[in-house]
N, C-alpha and C. Protein backbone atom coordinates (compact mmCIF):
# COMPACT_ATOMS: atom_id res chain seq x y z
N MET A 1 128.99 99.35 92.59
CA MET A 1 128.53 97.95 92.61
C MET A 1 127.41 97.80 93.62
N ALA A 2 126.40 97.03 93.27
CA ALA A 2 125.24 96.84 94.13
C ALA A 2 125.61 96.11 95.42
N GLN A 3 124.84 96.41 96.47
CA GLN A 3 124.91 95.64 97.69
C GLN A 3 123.87 94.51 97.61
N LEU A 4 124.20 93.37 98.18
CA LEU A 4 123.28 92.23 98.19
C LEU A 4 122.79 92.02 99.62
N PHE A 5 121.49 92.23 99.84
CA PHE A 5 120.89 92.05 101.15
C PHE A 5 120.08 90.75 101.16
N VAL A 6 120.50 89.79 101.96
CA VAL A 6 119.77 88.53 102.08
C VAL A 6 118.82 88.66 103.26
N VAL A 7 117.51 88.62 102.99
CA VAL A 7 116.52 88.86 104.05
C VAL A 7 115.55 87.67 104.13
N HIS A 8 114.98 87.51 105.30
CA HIS A 8 114.00 86.44 105.51
C HIS A 8 112.70 86.84 104.82
N PRO A 9 112.09 85.95 104.02
CA PRO A 9 110.90 86.34 103.25
C PRO A 9 109.68 86.65 104.10
N GLU A 10 109.57 86.06 105.29
CA GLU A 10 108.38 86.28 106.11
C GLU A 10 108.65 87.20 107.29
N ASN A 11 109.89 87.31 107.69
CA ASN A 11 110.25 88.19 108.80
C ASN A 11 111.52 88.95 108.44
N PRO A 12 111.44 89.84 107.45
CA PRO A 12 112.64 90.51 106.94
C PRO A 12 113.29 91.40 108.00
N GLN A 13 114.62 91.42 107.97
CA GLN A 13 115.38 92.22 108.92
C GLN A 13 115.20 93.70 108.61
N SER A 14 114.64 94.43 109.55
CA SER A 14 114.31 95.84 109.32
C SER A 14 115.56 96.68 109.06
N ARG A 15 116.69 96.33 109.68
CA ARG A 15 117.91 97.13 109.49
C ARG A 15 118.38 97.07 108.04
N LEU A 16 118.22 95.89 107.41
CA LEU A 16 118.64 95.76 106.01
C LEU A 16 117.72 96.54 105.08
N LEU A 17 116.42 96.48 105.36
CA LEU A 17 115.49 97.23 104.52
C LEU A 17 115.64 98.73 104.74
N LYS A 18 116.01 99.12 105.95
CA LYS A 18 116.29 100.54 106.21
C LYS A 18 117.47 100.99 105.36
N GLN A 19 118.51 100.15 105.28
CA GLN A 19 119.66 100.50 104.44
C GLN A 19 119.26 100.61 102.98
N ALA A 20 118.41 99.69 102.52
CA ALA A 20 117.93 99.75 101.14
C ALA A 20 117.11 101.02 100.91
N GLY A 21 116.28 101.38 101.90
CA GLY A 21 115.50 102.61 101.79
C GLY A 21 116.38 103.84 101.69
N GLU A 22 117.50 103.84 102.42
CA GLU A 22 118.44 104.96 102.34
C GLU A 22 119.08 105.04 100.96
N LEU A 23 119.38 103.90 100.38
CA LEU A 23 119.95 103.90 99.03
C LEU A 23 118.94 104.45 98.02
N LEU A 24 117.66 104.15 98.20
CA LEU A 24 116.63 104.72 97.34
C LEU A 24 116.58 106.24 97.49
N SER A 25 116.69 106.71 98.73
CA SER A 25 116.63 108.16 98.98
C SER A 25 117.82 108.88 98.36
N GLU A 26 118.90 108.15 98.12
CA GLU A 26 120.09 108.73 97.49
C GLU A 26 120.04 108.63 95.96
N GLY A 27 118.91 108.15 95.44
CA GLY A 27 118.74 108.08 93.98
C GLY A 27 119.06 106.73 93.38
N GLY A 28 119.29 105.72 94.21
CA GLY A 28 119.62 104.41 93.69
C GLY A 28 118.41 103.60 93.28
N LEU A 29 118.65 102.57 92.49
CA LEU A 29 117.62 101.60 92.11
C LEU A 29 117.84 100.33 92.92
N VAL A 30 116.74 99.70 93.31
CA VAL A 30 116.81 98.49 94.13
C VAL A 30 115.95 97.41 93.50
N ALA A 31 116.49 96.21 93.37
CA ALA A 31 115.72 95.05 92.92
C ALA A 31 115.12 94.39 94.15
N VAL A 32 113.82 94.09 94.09
CA VAL A 32 113.11 93.57 95.25
C VAL A 32 112.12 92.49 94.82
N PRO A 33 111.96 91.43 95.61
CA PRO A 33 110.95 90.43 95.27
C PRO A 33 109.55 90.98 95.54
N THR A 34 108.60 90.57 94.71
CA THR A 34 107.20 90.94 94.91
C THR A 34 106.35 89.68 94.80
N ASP A 35 105.04 89.87 94.83
CA ASP A 35 104.14 88.72 94.68
C ASP A 35 103.97 88.33 93.22
N SER A 36 104.75 88.93 92.32
CA SER A 36 104.72 88.51 90.91
C SER A 36 106.08 88.76 90.27
N SER A 37 107.09 88.09 90.75
CA SER A 37 108.46 88.16 90.25
C SER A 37 109.22 89.36 90.84
N TYR A 38 110.50 89.44 90.51
CA TYR A 38 111.32 90.56 90.99
C TYR A 38 111.02 91.82 90.18
N ALA A 39 111.13 92.96 90.87
CA ALA A 39 110.93 94.26 90.24
C ALA A 39 112.11 95.15 90.59
N VAL A 40 112.30 96.19 89.78
CA VAL A 40 113.27 97.24 90.11
C VAL A 40 112.47 98.46 90.53
N VAL A 41 112.87 99.08 91.65
CA VAL A 41 112.09 100.19 92.19
C VAL A 41 112.97 101.41 92.39
N ALA A 42 112.30 102.58 92.43
CA ALA A 42 112.96 103.86 92.65
C ALA A 42 111.98 104.76 93.40
N ARG A 43 112.49 105.83 93.97
CA ARG A 43 111.60 106.80 94.63
C ARG A 43 110.74 107.50 93.58
N LEU A 44 109.51 107.81 93.99
CA LEU A 44 108.55 108.43 93.08
C LEU A 44 109.00 109.80 92.62
N ASP A 45 109.70 110.55 93.47
CA ASP A 45 110.03 111.95 93.18
C ASP A 45 111.41 112.13 92.56
N ASP A 46 112.01 111.04 92.10
CA ASP A 46 113.37 111.12 91.58
C ASP A 46 113.37 110.96 90.06
N LYS A 47 113.52 112.08 89.33
CA LYS A 47 113.45 112.05 87.87
C LYS A 47 114.55 111.17 87.27
N ASP A 48 115.78 111.35 87.75
CA ASP A 48 116.88 110.58 87.19
C ASP A 48 116.68 109.08 87.41
N ALA A 49 116.17 108.72 88.59
CA ALA A 49 115.93 107.31 88.88
C ALA A 49 114.83 106.75 87.98
N ALA A 50 113.80 107.56 87.71
CA ALA A 50 112.74 107.11 86.80
C ALA A 50 113.29 106.88 85.41
N ASP A 51 114.16 107.77 84.96
CA ASP A 51 114.80 107.59 83.65
C ASP A 51 115.64 106.31 83.64
N SER A 52 116.32 106.04 84.76
CA SER A 52 117.15 104.84 84.85
C SER A 52 116.30 103.58 84.82
N LEU A 53 115.12 103.64 85.44
CA LEU A 53 114.20 102.49 85.39
C LEU A 53 113.87 102.14 83.95
N ARG A 54 113.53 103.16 83.18
CA ARG A 54 113.17 102.90 81.78
C ARG A 54 114.38 102.41 80.99
N ARG A 55 115.53 102.98 81.28
CA ARG A 55 116.73 102.60 80.54
C ARG A 55 117.12 101.14 80.80
N ILE A 56 117.01 100.70 82.05
CA ILE A 56 117.42 99.34 82.39
C ILE A 56 116.51 98.30 81.72
N ARG A 57 115.27 98.70 81.42
CA ARG A 57 114.33 97.82 80.74
C ARG A 57 114.24 98.07 79.24
N GLY A 58 114.81 99.16 78.76
CA GLY A 58 114.68 99.51 77.35
C GLY A 58 113.28 99.98 77.01
N LEU A 59 112.67 100.78 77.92
CA LEU A 59 111.30 101.25 77.74
C LEU A 59 111.30 102.72 77.33
N ASP A 60 110.28 103.11 76.56
CA ASP A 60 110.13 104.52 76.23
C ASP A 60 109.12 105.16 77.17
N GLU A 61 108.89 106.47 77.00
CA GLU A 61 108.04 107.20 77.93
C GLU A 61 106.57 106.83 77.83
N ARG A 62 106.19 106.13 76.77
CA ARG A 62 104.79 105.72 76.63
C ARG A 62 104.45 104.52 77.50
N HIS A 63 105.47 103.86 78.02
CA HIS A 63 105.22 102.70 78.87
C HIS A 63 104.88 103.17 80.28
N ASN A 64 103.73 102.72 80.79
CA ASN A 64 103.33 103.08 82.15
C ASN A 64 104.25 102.42 83.16
N LEU A 65 104.93 103.23 83.96
CA LEU A 65 105.58 102.69 85.14
C LEU A 65 104.49 102.44 86.19
N THR A 66 104.76 101.54 87.11
CA THR A 66 103.78 101.19 88.12
C THR A 66 104.20 101.76 89.47
N MET A 67 103.22 102.28 90.20
CA MET A 67 103.48 102.80 91.53
C MET A 67 103.07 101.77 92.57
N LEU A 68 103.99 101.44 93.46
CA LEU A 68 103.70 100.50 94.54
C LEU A 68 103.31 101.29 95.78
N CYS A 69 102.12 100.99 96.31
CA CYS A 69 101.61 101.67 97.50
C CYS A 69 101.48 100.68 98.66
N ARG A 70 101.46 101.22 99.87
CA ARG A 70 101.31 100.38 101.05
C ARG A 70 99.87 99.94 101.26
N ASP A 71 98.92 100.85 100.99
CA ASP A 71 97.52 100.54 101.26
C ASP A 71 96.63 101.47 100.44
N LEU A 72 95.32 101.26 100.56
CA LEU A 72 94.36 102.03 99.77
C LEU A 72 94.39 103.52 100.11
N SER A 73 94.68 103.84 101.36
CA SER A 73 94.65 105.24 101.77
C SER A 73 95.66 106.08 101.01
N GLU A 74 96.75 105.47 100.57
CA GLU A 74 97.78 106.21 99.83
C GLU A 74 97.36 106.51 98.40
N ILE A 75 96.52 105.63 97.84
CA ILE A 75 96.19 105.75 96.42
C ILE A 75 95.51 107.07 96.10
N SER A 76 94.62 107.53 96.99
CA SER A 76 93.83 108.72 96.70
C SER A 76 94.69 109.97 96.52
N ASN A 77 95.92 109.95 97.03
CA ASN A 77 96.82 111.10 96.84
C ASN A 77 97.37 111.17 95.43
N PHE A 78 97.35 110.04 94.73
CA PHE A 78 98.05 109.97 93.45
C PHE A 78 97.15 109.61 92.27
N ALA A 79 95.93 109.15 92.55
CA ALA A 79 95.01 108.77 91.47
C ALA A 79 93.59 109.16 91.84
N ARG A 80 92.82 109.51 90.84
CA ARG A 80 91.41 109.85 91.07
C ARG A 80 90.62 108.55 91.11
N VAL A 81 89.94 108.33 92.22
CA VAL A 81 89.22 107.08 92.44
C VAL A 81 87.79 107.39 92.86
N ASP A 82 86.82 106.95 92.05
CA ASP A 82 85.42 107.12 92.43
C ASP A 82 84.94 105.87 93.18
N ASN A 83 83.67 105.87 93.57
CA ASN A 83 83.15 104.76 94.38
C ASN A 83 83.20 103.44 93.65
N ARG A 84 82.93 103.45 92.35
CA ARG A 84 82.96 102.21 91.56
C ARG A 84 84.38 101.65 91.52
N GLN A 85 85.33 102.51 91.24
CA GLN A 85 86.72 102.06 91.17
C GLN A 85 87.21 101.58 92.54
N TYR A 86 86.80 102.27 93.58
CA TYR A 86 87.23 101.91 94.93
C TYR A 86 86.77 100.50 95.29
N ARG A 87 85.57 100.13 94.85
CA ARG A 87 85.07 98.78 95.16
C ARG A 87 85.97 97.72 94.54
N PHE A 88 86.39 97.94 93.31
CA PHE A 88 87.32 96.99 92.67
C PHE A 88 88.63 96.91 93.44
N LEU A 89 89.16 98.07 93.81
CA LEU A 89 90.43 98.10 94.52
C LEU A 89 90.33 97.39 95.87
N LYS A 90 89.23 97.62 96.56
CA LYS A 90 89.06 97.02 97.89
C LYS A 90 88.95 95.50 97.80
N MET A 91 88.27 95.00 96.75
CA MET A 91 88.13 93.55 96.58
C MET A 91 89.46 92.89 96.20
N ALA A 92 90.26 93.60 95.44
CA ALA A 92 91.43 92.95 94.83
C ALA A 92 92.72 93.12 95.62
N THR A 93 92.81 94.11 96.47
CA THR A 93 94.10 94.41 97.11
C THR A 93 94.13 93.99 98.56
N PRO A 94 95.34 93.64 99.09
CA PRO A 94 96.59 93.53 98.35
C PRO A 94 96.63 92.26 97.52
N GLY A 95 97.40 92.28 96.46
CA GLY A 95 97.47 91.10 95.61
C GLY A 95 98.10 91.40 94.27
N PRO A 96 98.14 90.39 93.39
CA PRO A 96 98.85 90.50 92.11
C PRO A 96 98.02 91.19 91.02
N TRP A 97 97.69 92.44 91.26
CA TRP A 97 96.88 93.23 90.34
C TRP A 97 97.58 94.55 90.06
N THR A 98 97.41 95.05 88.84
CA THR A 98 97.81 96.41 88.51
C THR A 98 96.59 97.11 87.94
N PHE A 99 96.24 98.24 88.51
CA PHE A 99 95.08 99.00 88.05
C PHE A 99 95.55 100.30 87.41
N ILE A 100 95.02 100.57 86.21
CA ILE A 100 95.32 101.82 85.51
C ILE A 100 94.27 102.84 85.92
N LEU A 101 94.74 103.95 86.48
CA LEU A 101 93.85 105.00 86.97
C LEU A 101 94.31 106.36 86.47
N GLU A 102 93.42 107.33 86.52
CA GLU A 102 93.78 108.69 86.13
C GLU A 102 94.68 109.29 87.20
N ALA A 103 95.82 109.81 86.78
CA ALA A 103 96.78 110.37 87.73
C ALA A 103 96.36 111.76 88.20
N THR A 104 96.64 112.06 89.46
CA THR A 104 96.43 113.40 89.98
C THR A 104 97.68 114.24 89.71
N ARG A 105 97.62 115.51 90.12
CA ARG A 105 98.77 116.39 89.91
C ARG A 105 99.94 116.04 90.82
N GLU A 106 99.69 115.17 91.81
CA GLU A 106 100.77 114.74 92.68
C GLU A 106 101.74 113.81 91.95
N ILE A 107 101.30 113.24 90.84
CA ILE A 107 102.16 112.37 90.05
C ILE A 107 102.96 113.22 89.08
N PRO A 108 104.28 113.15 89.13
CA PRO A 108 105.08 113.93 88.17
C PRO A 108 104.71 113.56 86.74
N ARG A 109 104.70 114.54 85.84
CA ARG A 109 104.29 114.29 84.45
C ARG A 109 105.20 113.28 83.75
N ARG A 110 106.44 113.24 84.15
CA ARG A 110 107.36 112.29 83.51
C ARG A 110 107.03 110.85 83.85
N VAL A 111 106.23 110.64 84.89
CA VAL A 111 105.91 109.29 85.37
C VAL A 111 104.63 108.77 84.76
N SER A 112 103.64 109.65 84.59
CA SER A 112 102.36 109.22 84.02
C SER A 112 102.49 109.05 82.51
N HIS A 113 101.50 108.36 81.93
CA HIS A 113 101.47 108.18 80.48
C HIS A 113 101.37 109.56 79.84
N PRO A 114 102.21 109.90 78.84
CA PRO A 114 102.30 111.27 78.34
C PRO A 114 101.04 111.79 77.68
N SER A 115 100.22 110.92 77.10
CA SER A 115 99.01 111.40 76.43
C SER A 115 97.76 111.12 77.25
N LYS A 116 97.74 110.02 77.98
CA LYS A 116 96.54 109.65 78.72
C LYS A 116 96.53 110.15 80.15
N LYS A 117 97.70 110.56 80.67
CA LYS A 117 97.81 111.01 82.06
C LYS A 117 97.29 109.96 83.03
N THR A 118 97.72 108.73 82.81
CA THR A 118 97.32 107.64 83.68
C THR A 118 98.55 107.06 84.39
N ILE A 119 98.28 106.29 85.42
CA ILE A 119 99.34 105.64 86.18
C ILE A 119 98.88 104.23 86.57
N GLY A 120 99.79 103.28 86.51
CA GLY A 120 99.49 101.94 87.01
C GLY A 120 99.79 101.89 88.50
N ILE A 121 98.86 101.34 89.26
CA ILE A 121 99.01 101.31 90.72
C ILE A 121 98.84 99.90 91.24
N ARG A 122 99.71 99.54 92.18
CA ARG A 122 99.68 98.21 92.80
C ARG A 122 99.79 98.33 94.32
N ILE A 123 99.12 97.40 95.01
CA ILE A 123 99.35 97.19 96.45
C ILE A 123 99.78 95.73 96.57
N PRO A 124 101.07 95.48 96.59
CA PRO A 124 101.55 94.08 96.55
C PRO A 124 101.30 93.33 97.85
N ASP A 125 101.09 92.04 97.71
CA ASP A 125 100.90 91.18 98.87
C ASP A 125 102.19 90.41 99.12
N HIS A 126 103.22 91.16 99.51
CA HIS A 126 104.53 90.56 99.78
C HIS A 126 105.17 91.34 100.91
N ARG A 127 105.54 90.65 101.96
CA ARG A 127 106.02 91.33 103.17
C ARG A 127 107.26 92.19 102.89
N ILE A 128 108.21 91.66 102.13
CA ILE A 128 109.43 92.42 101.87
C ILE A 128 109.12 93.70 101.11
N THR A 129 108.29 93.60 100.09
CA THR A 129 107.95 94.78 99.30
C THR A 129 107.28 95.84 100.16
N ARG A 130 106.30 95.42 100.96
CA ARG A 130 105.59 96.39 101.80
C ARG A 130 106.53 97.03 102.82
N ASP A 131 107.42 96.22 103.42
CA ASP A 131 108.35 96.78 104.40
C ASP A 131 109.35 97.73 103.77
N LEU A 132 109.72 97.47 102.50
CA LEU A 132 110.63 98.39 101.82
C LEU A 132 109.93 99.73 101.56
N ILE A 133 108.67 99.69 101.16
CA ILE A 133 107.91 100.93 100.97
C ILE A 133 107.86 101.71 102.28
N ASP A 134 107.63 100.99 103.39
CA ASP A 134 107.64 101.64 104.70
C ASP A 134 109.00 102.27 104.98
N ALA A 135 110.06 101.54 104.70
CA ALA A 135 111.41 102.04 104.98
C ALA A 135 111.73 103.27 104.14
N ALA A 136 111.22 103.28 102.90
CA ALA A 136 111.47 104.43 102.01
C ALA A 136 110.62 105.63 102.40
N GLY A 137 109.48 105.36 103.06
CA GLY A 137 108.61 106.44 103.50
C GLY A 137 107.82 107.09 102.39
N THR A 138 107.71 106.40 101.25
CA THR A 138 107.00 106.95 100.10
C THR A 138 106.63 105.81 99.16
N PRO A 139 105.55 105.94 98.39
CA PRO A 139 105.31 104.96 97.33
C PRO A 139 106.50 104.90 96.39
N LEU A 140 106.66 103.76 95.74
CA LEU A 140 107.82 103.55 94.89
C LEU A 140 107.41 103.32 93.44
N LEU A 141 108.17 103.84 92.52
CA LEU A 141 108.00 103.51 91.12
C LEU A 141 108.62 102.15 90.86
N SER A 142 108.00 101.36 90.00
CA SER A 142 108.55 100.03 89.76
C SER A 142 108.33 99.60 88.32
N THR A 143 109.15 98.64 87.91
CA THR A 143 108.95 97.93 86.66
C THR A 143 109.46 96.51 86.85
N THR A 144 108.76 95.56 86.26
CA THR A 144 109.18 94.17 86.37
C THR A 144 110.56 94.00 85.75
N LEU A 145 111.40 93.20 86.38
CA LEU A 145 112.78 93.06 85.90
C LEU A 145 112.85 92.00 84.80
N ILE A 146 112.48 92.43 83.59
CA ILE A 146 112.57 91.60 82.40
C ILE A 146 113.72 92.14 81.55
N PRO A 147 114.76 91.36 81.33
CA PRO A 147 115.88 91.86 80.53
C PRO A 147 115.41 92.27 79.13
N TYR A 148 116.04 93.31 78.58
CA TYR A 148 115.68 93.81 77.26
C TYR A 148 115.81 92.70 76.21
N GLY A 149 114.75 92.54 75.41
CA GLY A 149 114.75 91.53 74.36
C GLY A 149 114.31 90.16 74.82
N GLU A 150 114.03 90.00 76.11
CA GLU A 150 113.57 88.72 76.62
C GLU A 150 112.11 88.84 77.06
N GLU A 151 111.49 87.70 77.33
CA GLU A 151 110.07 87.69 77.67
C GLU A 151 109.79 87.39 79.13
N LEU A 152 110.69 86.65 79.78
CA LEU A 152 110.43 86.23 81.15
C LEU A 152 111.23 87.07 82.14
N PRO A 153 110.63 87.43 83.28
CA PRO A 153 111.36 88.17 84.30
C PRO A 153 112.39 87.30 84.99
N LEU A 154 113.42 87.95 85.53
CA LEU A 154 114.41 87.23 86.32
C LEU A 154 113.82 86.91 87.70
N ASN A 155 114.21 85.75 88.25
CA ASN A 155 113.59 85.31 89.49
C ASN A 155 114.61 84.81 90.50
N ASP A 156 115.87 85.08 90.25
CA ASP A 156 116.92 84.64 91.16
C ASP A 156 117.79 85.84 91.51
N ALA A 157 117.88 86.15 92.80
CA ALA A 157 118.56 87.36 93.23
C ALA A 157 120.04 87.36 92.84
N GLN A 158 120.69 86.22 92.94
CA GLN A 158 122.11 86.18 92.60
C GLN A 158 122.32 86.44 91.11
N SER A 159 121.43 85.90 90.28
CA SER A 159 121.52 86.16 88.83
C SER A 159 121.31 87.65 88.54
N ILE A 160 120.36 88.26 89.26
CA ILE A 160 120.13 89.69 89.09
C ILE A 160 121.37 90.49 89.50
N PHE A 161 121.95 90.10 90.62
CA PHE A 161 123.16 90.76 91.11
C PHE A 161 124.30 90.65 90.09
N ASN A 162 124.47 89.45 89.54
CA ASN A 162 125.56 89.23 88.58
C ASN A 162 125.35 90.03 87.29
N ARG A 163 124.09 90.15 86.89
CA ARG A 163 123.79 90.77 85.60
C ARG A 163 123.67 92.30 85.69
N TYR A 164 123.13 92.79 86.82
CA TYR A 164 122.83 94.22 86.92
C TYR A 164 123.56 94.89 88.08
N GLY A 165 124.59 94.24 88.61
CA GLY A 165 125.28 94.78 89.77
C GLY A 165 125.83 96.18 89.58
N ASN A 166 126.17 96.54 88.34
CA ASN A 166 126.72 97.87 88.09
C ASN A 166 125.65 98.92 87.85
N ASP A 167 124.38 98.49 87.72
CA ASP A 167 123.29 99.42 87.43
C ASP A 167 122.41 99.68 88.65
N LEU A 168 122.51 98.84 89.66
CA LEU A 168 121.64 98.92 90.82
C LEU A 168 122.42 99.33 92.06
N ALA A 169 121.70 99.92 93.01
CA ALA A 169 122.32 100.22 94.31
C ALA A 169 122.25 99.01 95.23
N ALA A 170 121.21 98.18 95.07
CA ALA A 170 121.06 97.02 95.94
C ALA A 170 120.16 95.98 95.29
N VAL A 171 120.39 94.74 95.67
CA VAL A 171 119.50 93.63 95.33
C VAL A 171 119.06 93.01 96.65
N ILE A 172 117.75 92.90 96.84
CA ILE A 172 117.22 92.27 98.05
C ILE A 172 116.88 90.83 97.73
N ASP A 173 117.61 89.92 98.34
CA ASP A 173 117.40 88.49 98.11
C ASP A 173 116.42 87.96 99.13
N GLY A 174 115.19 87.75 98.68
CA GLY A 174 114.16 87.18 99.54
C GLY A 174 113.70 85.83 99.05
N GLY A 175 114.54 85.18 98.23
CA GLY A 175 114.16 83.89 97.66
C GLY A 175 113.37 84.06 96.38
N ALA A 176 113.04 82.93 95.78
CA ALA A 176 112.30 82.96 94.51
C ALA A 176 110.88 83.48 94.72
N CYS A 177 110.35 84.14 93.70
CA CYS A 177 108.98 84.65 93.73
C CYS A 177 108.07 83.73 92.91
N VAL A 178 106.77 83.97 93.02
CA VAL A 178 105.83 83.36 92.09
C VAL A 178 106.10 83.98 90.73
N LEU A 179 106.44 83.16 89.75
CA LEU A 179 106.84 83.69 88.45
C LEU A 179 105.62 83.81 87.55
N ALA A 180 104.85 84.87 87.77
CA ALA A 180 103.64 85.09 86.98
C ALA A 180 103.31 86.57 87.00
N HIS A 181 102.74 87.05 85.89
CA HIS A 181 102.40 88.46 85.77
C HIS A 181 101.23 88.83 86.68
N THR A 182 101.13 90.12 86.96
CA THR A 182 99.90 90.63 87.57
C THR A 182 98.81 90.67 86.51
N THR A 183 97.58 90.69 86.97
CA THR A 183 96.45 90.98 86.09
C THR A 183 96.32 92.49 86.00
N VAL A 184 96.25 93.02 84.78
CA VAL A 184 96.19 94.46 84.57
C VAL A 184 94.80 94.86 84.10
N ILE A 185 94.19 95.80 84.81
CA ILE A 185 92.84 96.25 84.48
C ILE A 185 92.82 97.77 84.39
N ASP A 186 92.31 98.28 83.29
CA ASP A 186 92.15 99.71 83.09
C ASP A 186 90.79 100.13 83.65
N LEU A 187 90.81 100.96 84.69
CA LEU A 187 89.57 101.40 85.32
C LEU A 187 89.18 102.82 84.93
N THR A 188 89.83 103.39 83.91
CA THR A 188 89.56 104.78 83.56
C THR A 188 88.28 104.96 82.76
N ALA A 189 87.79 103.91 82.12
CA ALA A 189 86.55 103.99 81.34
C ALA A 189 85.37 103.53 82.19
N GLU A 190 84.18 103.69 81.66
CA GLU A 190 82.98 103.29 82.39
C GLU A 190 82.96 101.79 82.65
N THR A 191 83.44 101.02 81.66
CA THR A 191 83.52 99.57 81.81
C THR A 191 84.98 99.17 81.96
N PRO A 192 85.31 98.42 83.01
CA PRO A 192 86.70 98.00 83.19
C PRO A 192 87.20 97.21 81.99
N GLU A 193 88.44 97.50 81.56
CA GLU A 193 89.04 96.81 80.43
C GLU A 193 90.20 95.95 80.91
N ILE A 194 90.15 94.67 80.61
CA ILE A 194 91.21 93.75 81.01
C ILE A 194 92.33 93.85 79.98
N LEU A 195 93.46 94.40 80.39
CA LEU A 195 94.59 94.58 79.48
C LEU A 195 95.52 93.38 79.46
N ARG A 196 95.57 92.66 80.58
CA ARG A 196 96.42 91.47 80.65
C ARG A 196 95.87 90.52 81.71
N ARG A 197 95.74 89.27 81.33
CA ARG A 197 95.32 88.26 82.30
C ARG A 197 96.55 87.68 82.98
N GLY A 198 96.53 87.63 84.29
CA GLY A 198 97.66 87.13 85.05
C GLY A 198 97.20 86.37 86.27
N GLN A 199 97.93 86.54 87.36
CA GLN A 199 97.61 85.81 88.59
C GLN A 199 96.26 86.18 89.17
N GLY A 200 95.90 87.44 89.10
CA GLY A 200 94.66 87.90 89.73
C GLY A 200 93.45 87.18 89.16
N ASP A 201 92.64 86.61 90.05
CA ASP A 201 91.46 85.84 89.66
C ASP A 201 90.31 86.81 89.37
N LEU A 202 89.95 86.91 88.10
CA LEU A 202 88.92 87.88 87.69
C LEU A 202 87.57 87.58 88.33
N SER A 203 87.28 86.32 88.59
CA SER A 203 86.00 85.97 89.19
C SER A 203 85.88 86.53 90.62
N SER A 204 87.01 86.76 91.27
CA SER A 204 86.97 87.26 92.65
C SER A 204 86.50 88.71 92.73
N ILE A 205 86.56 89.42 91.58
CA ILE A 205 86.07 90.79 91.56
C ILE A 205 84.93 90.96 90.56
N GLY A 206 84.34 89.86 90.18
CA GLY A 206 83.14 89.89 89.34
C GLY A 206 83.38 90.20 87.88
N LEU A 207 84.58 89.92 87.36
CA LEU A 207 84.88 90.23 85.97
C LEU A 207 85.16 88.99 85.12
N ALA A 208 84.90 87.81 85.65
CA ALA A 208 85.19 86.59 84.89
C ALA A 208 84.22 86.44 83.72
């Protein structure tokens, strides 16, 4: 059964996030608030946890899982980024954006898109999410917590706990999130392709 950690959204208790990070290191899944609804996260290097992420959402291997990073310096280890792409990332992050980039060999093949070898990457603008990444000591795989067959993500920690308590190691209750998708942009081609319009303001990075 999952543990429920109630943390302050602006000044989260480090001891609780450390406990959540330990559960991730043991192969558990953790639900965490982000700047665009709740997500379920796992360690990047844990194959079984990655499979569990897809199973909890009813996703197949063609669905890009998203990697949550602390900052831009981490991205270069996991994705190939040229000067043009870096400018977009620098303008947009941290914030409610997901960028599709070419994965490096540091990304396990089971995590990247099987035919395109791409990975979705985010630097979230949410204190709890960033502190959890710090506590885990590694970027985290994530997927938005949208129940199978439904369209809207869950946004209440207690509801998540009640519904997925047997599938998760922990639920971090940081209060309600902004209930809106990230803006998804594919940067792998010469011209950026907008795959989904969401919270991210396209005009702020010159794509409106």
